Protein backbone atom coordinates (compact mmCIF):
# COMPACT_ATOMS: atom_id res chain seq x y z
CA MET A 1 -39.16 22.34 17.67
CA VAL A 2 -37.50 20.52 20.65
CA VAL A 3 -34.59 17.98 19.93
CA GLU A 4 -33.74 15.57 22.54
CA GLU A 5 -30.39 13.34 22.01
CA LEU A 6 -30.86 10.07 23.02
CA PHE A 7 -27.50 8.15 22.45
CA GLU A 8 -24.91 7.16 19.94
CA GLY A 9 -24.36 4.10 18.30
CA SER A 10 -22.06 1.44 19.60
CA GLY A 11 -18.77 -0.31 17.79
CA ARG A 12 -18.32 0.99 14.24
CA SER A 13 -21.87 2.62 13.86
CA ARG A 14 -21.67 6.41 13.27
CA ASN A 15 -25.34 6.76 14.09
CA LYS A 16 -26.47 9.20 16.38
CA TYR A 17 -30.04 9.04 17.99
CA PHE A 18 -32.34 11.87 18.49
CA ARG A 19 -35.99 12.24 19.55
CA ILE A 20 -37.78 15.34 17.63
CA HIS A 21 -40.77 16.99 19.29
CA GLY A 22 -43.23 18.95 17.46
CA PRO A 23 -46.76 20.51 17.87
CA LYS A 24 -48.21 17.23 16.94
CA GLY A 25 -46.09 14.94 18.62
CA SER A 26 -42.47 13.06 18.56
CA ILE A 27 -40.37 10.89 16.13
CA LYS A 28 -37.01 9.12 16.69
CA VAL A 29 -34.43 9.49 14.14
CA ALA A 30 -30.86 8.01 13.51
CA ILE A 31 -28.52 10.40 11.85
CA THR A 32 -25.51 9.37 10.16
CA TYR A 33 -22.88 10.59 7.49
CA ALA A 34 -21.42 9.07 4.55
CA TYR A 35 -18.61 9.99 1.96
CA LYS A 36 -19.57 11.12 -1.42
CA TYR A 37 -16.78 12.19 -3.79
CA GLY A 38 -14.51 13.41 -0.99
CA GLU A 39 -17.33 15.11 0.70
CA ILE A 40 -19.22 14.35 4.00
CA GLU A 41 -22.99 14.06 3.43
CA TYR A 42 -25.32 13.84 6.61
CA GLN A 43 -28.58 11.97 6.29
CA VAL A 44 -31.28 10.04 8.22
CA ASP A 45 -30.39 6.39 8.44
CA ARG A 46 -33.62 5.31 10.12
CA TYR A 47 -36.60 6.50 11.88
CA ASP A 48 -39.27 5.49 14.50
CA ALA A 49 -42.59 7.15 14.34
CA GLY A 50 -44.04 4.76 16.99
CA ASN A 51 -44.15 1.50 14.95
CA GLY A 52 -40.40 0.48 15.45
CA TRP A 53 -37.51 1.44 13.42
CA ILE A 54 -37.64 1.71 9.70
CA ALA A 55 -34.76 1.73 7.62
CA ASN A 56 -36.23 3.04 4.32
CA VAL A 57 -36.48 6.65 4.77
CA ARG A 58 -38.29 7.47 1.32
CA GLY A 59 -41.42 9.32 2.25
CA LEU A 60 -40.01 10.45 5.70
CA GLN A 61 -41.33 14.04 4.88
CA GLU A 62 -44.75 12.87 4.86
CA VAL A 63 -44.34 10.80 7.92
CA MET A 64 -42.83 13.47 9.72
CA ARG A 65 -45.55 16.01 8.90
CA ASP A 66 -47.96 13.59 10.13
CA ALA A 67 -46.21 12.64 13.46
CA ILE A 68 -44.92 15.90 14.44
CA GLY A 69 -46.22 18.82 12.46
CA TRP A 70 -42.90 19.52 11.07
CA THR A 71 -41.15 18.23 7.84
CA PHE A 72 -37.56 17.90 6.62
CA THR A 73 -36.09 16.15 3.64
CA HIS A 74 -33.91 13.23 4.80
CA ARG A 75 -30.64 14.71 4.30
CA GLY A 76 -29.32 18.19 4.31
CA LYS A 77 -27.84 20.94 6.50
CA TRP A 78 -30.33 20.40 9.38
CA ALA A 79 -29.00 16.78 9.66
CA GLU A 80 -25.50 18.23 9.85
CA GLU A 81 -26.34 20.70 12.31
CA LEU A 82 -28.26 18.12 14.49
CA TYR A 83 -25.23 15.42 14.31
CA ASN A 84 -22.82 18.14 15.40
CA LYS A 85 -24.73 20.28 17.76
CA GLU A 86 -22.94 18.66 20.79
CA GLY A 87 -19.43 20.14 19.38
CA ASN A 88 -18.67 16.56 18.03
CA PRO A 89 -16.94 17.68 14.84
CA PRO A 90 -16.90 15.80 11.65
CA PRO A 91 -13.63 14.19 10.26
CA LYS A 92 -11.32 16.30 8.43
CA VAL A 93 -10.99 15.24 4.71
CA THR A 94 -7.58 15.19 2.88
CA ILE A 95 -7.12 14.11 -0.68
CA GLU A 96 -3.53 13.30 -1.86
CA GLU A 97 -2.48 11.98 -5.40
CA ASP A 98 0.57 10.93 -6.54
CA GLU A 99 2.00 8.71 -9.54
CA HIS A 100 0.17 5.46 -8.09
CA GLY A 101 -3.49 7.11 -7.60
CA LYS A 102 -5.54 8.74 -5.06
CA THR A 103 -5.84 8.44 -1.28
CA VAL A 104 -8.63 9.92 0.69
CA THR A 105 -7.96 9.94 4.47
CA PHE A 106 -10.68 10.96 6.92
CA ASP A 107 -9.36 12.15 10.31
CA GLY A 108 -11.78 12.00 13.43
CA PRO A 109 -11.32 12.55 16.97
CA THR A 110 -9.71 8.90 17.66
CA ASP A 111 -10.00 7.17 14.34
CA ARG A 112 -8.49 7.50 10.92
CA VAL A 113 -9.86 5.83 7.88
CA THR A 114 -8.19 5.72 4.60
CA PHE A 115 -9.40 4.65 1.17
CA SER A 116 -7.13 4.47 -1.74
CA LYS A 117 -7.75 3.82 -5.52
CA ARG A 118 -4.32 2.83 -6.63
CA THR A 119 -2.75 1.13 -9.56
CA THR A 120 -1.22 -2.28 -8.90
CA ARG A 121 1.91 -3.99 -9.96
CA ALA A 122 0.41 -6.36 -12.79
CA GLU A 123 3.78 -8.04 -12.83
CA GLN A 124 4.52 -8.26 -9.27
CA GLN A 125 3.01 -12.09 -8.33
CA GLN A 126 4.82 -13.26 -11.62
CA LEU A 127 8.24 -12.14 -10.59
CA ARG A 128 7.52 -13.17 -6.81
CA ASP A 129 6.61 -16.66 -8.13
CA LEU A 130 9.83 -17.05 -10.38
CA LEU A 131 11.80 -16.35 -7.09
CA PHE A 132 9.48 -18.28 -4.41
CA ARG A 133 7.17 -20.70 -5.83
CA GLY A 134 7.36 -23.88 -4.70
CA LYS A 135 10.49 -23.29 -2.58
CA GLU A 136 10.62 -23.91 1.25
CA SER A 137 13.48 -21.56 1.71
CA VAL A 138 15.48 -19.11 -0.42
CA ALA A 139 18.87 -17.59 0.17
CA CYS A 140 19.10 -14.04 0.62
CA ALA A 141 20.90 -12.11 -2.23
CA ILE A 142 22.70 -9.59 0.38
CA CYS A 143 23.30 -11.79 3.48
CA ALA A 144 22.95 -15.38 1.85
CA ARG A 145 21.02 -16.81 4.85
CA SER A 146 17.92 -19.05 4.00
CA PHE A 147 14.71 -18.09 5.01
CA PRO A 148 11.10 -18.92 4.34
CA PRO A 149 9.21 -17.01 1.36
CA GLU A 150 7.14 -15.44 3.99
CA MET A 151 10.24 -13.77 5.28
CA MET A 152 11.37 -12.52 2.07
CA ILE A 153 10.80 -9.54 -0.12
CA THR A 154 10.71 -9.46 -3.98
CA ALA A 155 13.13 -6.73 -3.96
CA HIS A 156 13.73 -4.17 -7.06
CA ILE A 157 17.33 -3.35 -7.71
CA LYS A 158 16.38 -0.36 -9.73
CA LYS A 159 13.37 1.38 -8.09
CA ARG A 160 10.27 0.40 -9.99
CA SER A 161 8.86 3.78 -10.14
CA LEU A 162 11.86 4.82 -11.91
CA ALA A 163 12.12 1.78 -14.35
CA SER A 164 10.81 1.59 -18.13
CA GLU A 165 8.17 -1.05 -18.94
CA SER A 166 10.68 -3.12 -20.54
CA GLU A 167 12.91 -3.37 -17.40
CA ARG A 168 9.98 -3.88 -14.89
CA LEU A 169 9.18 -7.12 -17.19
CA ASP A 170 12.96 -8.13 -16.84
CA ASP A 171 13.25 -11.06 -14.38
CA ASN A 172 16.80 -9.74 -13.46
CA ILE A 173 15.34 -6.63 -11.86
CA VAL A 174 14.32 -8.35 -8.66
CA VAL A 175 16.23 -10.36 -6.33
CA PRO A 176 15.24 -12.06 -3.02
CA MET A 177 16.20 -10.15 0.21
CA CYS A 178 15.33 -11.04 3.69
CA LYS A 179 13.11 -8.81 6.29
CA ALA A 180 15.71 -9.42 8.75
CA GLY A 181 17.35 -6.17 7.60
CA CYS A 182 18.92 -6.40 4.19
CA ASP A 183 15.93 -5.28 2.22
CA ALA A 184 15.70 -2.13 4.41
CA LEU A 185 19.25 -1.26 4.13
CA PHE A 186 19.41 -2.11 0.31
CA GLU A 187 15.95 0.07 -0.03
CA LEU A 188 17.27 2.96 1.80
CA GLY A 189 20.79 2.99 -0.05
CA TRP A 190 22.93 2.09 3.03
CA ILE A 191 24.23 -0.79 1.02
CA GLY A 192 24.85 -1.73 -2.58
CA VAL A 193 26.47 -4.32 -4.61
CA GLU A 194 29.73 -3.54 -6.69
CA ASP A 195 32.00 -5.85 -8.89
CA GLY A 196 29.78 -8.60 -7.46
CA ASN A 197 30.31 -7.78 -3.78
CA VAL A 198 28.20 -5.96 -1.06
CA ILE A 199 29.82 -2.50 -0.02
CA SER A 200 28.56 0.16 2.33
CA LEU A 201 26.85 3.44 0.61
CA ARG A 202 26.70 5.08 4.04
CA THR A 203 28.98 7.84 4.61
CA GLN A 204 27.45 9.30 7.76
CA PRO A 205 27.56 7.08 10.81
CA SER A 206 24.24 5.58 12.33
CA THR A 207 23.38 3.40 15.42
CA SER A 208 25.66 0.67 16.47
CA SER A 209 22.78 -1.72 15.43
CA VAL A 210 22.59 -0.54 11.90
CA GLU A 211 26.30 -0.58 11.63
CA GLU A 212 26.64 -4.05 13.17
CA LEU A 213 24.07 -4.94 10.35
CA ILE A 214 26.25 -3.34 7.38
CA THR A 215 29.54 -4.99 8.89
CA GLY A 216 27.86 -8.25 8.72
CA VAL A 217 27.13 -8.28 4.77
CA LYS A 218 29.84 -5.98 3.41
CA GLY A 219 32.25 -7.89 1.35
CA ARG A 220 29.92 -10.84 0.70
CA ALA A 221 29.50 -12.23 -2.91
CA CYS A 222 26.22 -11.59 -4.48
CA ALA A 223 25.16 -14.63 -6.51
CA TYR A 224 22.66 -12.33 -8.26
CA TYR A 225 25.39 -9.96 -9.75
CA ARG A 226 24.91 -11.27 -13.45
CA GLY A 227 23.47 -10.55 -16.92
CA SER A 228 21.21 -7.47 -17.10
CA ALA A 229 21.22 -7.16 -13.08
CA ILE A 230 24.72 -5.81 -13.17
CA VAL A 231 23.36 -2.69 -14.95
CA TYR A 232 20.48 -2.48 -12.39
CA PHE A 233 22.96 -3.02 -9.38
CA GLN A 234 25.26 -0.03 -11.19
CA TRP A 235 22.07 2.15 -11.33
CA HIS A 236 21.44 1.67 -7.57
CA ALA A 237 24.79 2.54 -6.64
CA ALA A 238 25.06 5.34 -8.59
CA HIS A 239 21.53 6.66 -7.35
CA HIS A 240 22.32 6.39 -3.96
CA LYS A 241 25.78 7.83 -4.30
CA SER A 242 24.37 10.90 -5.87
């Protein structure tokens, strides 16, 4: 059997096209790969026995036997070896699991494809609507500057992953924070709120730009320091001081 590689598919196509020569003649096949249960499976995607490309590969064994005098199943080790015979390795598969679900990543020579099966935050949209729905602008809980909703984050004062179910459903666990620096500073624990005012929690110096952001909000009054939110702000400060 002689195999001649014809070309590779263009764009997002994974297909590689080959002409297989046997004792009776030749047949063209397009081989691709798919992901199944975290494994890569190689198979014939379509074939051309002289009458145009056919996508239905059922009965391929009989077609190949008649066309070239050799026969194979439409998937298997031979398809994998043929696909990779020029030294183009398949993507590396890694599977990671955490408290939110499973992420499968396929690393190829130039592309990375990631599929995730993750839990969703069922209450998140309700909390965001509470803060932003119907409003053209909202004041940031840290810097008090007003921004349109698309420039704002529904920020959890206490980390959601460490909050109880009842805490997650508490309206006071979230506050609006801007994407202009405040959300990142608070999330990273570089600033917090104590006794109703913004404080610096960072003990190590950073860049001048970061220090400028912290100085710009330090000492400002937080309008959301009230009710059960006080407990969450206290948790946040203690969590990042420890």
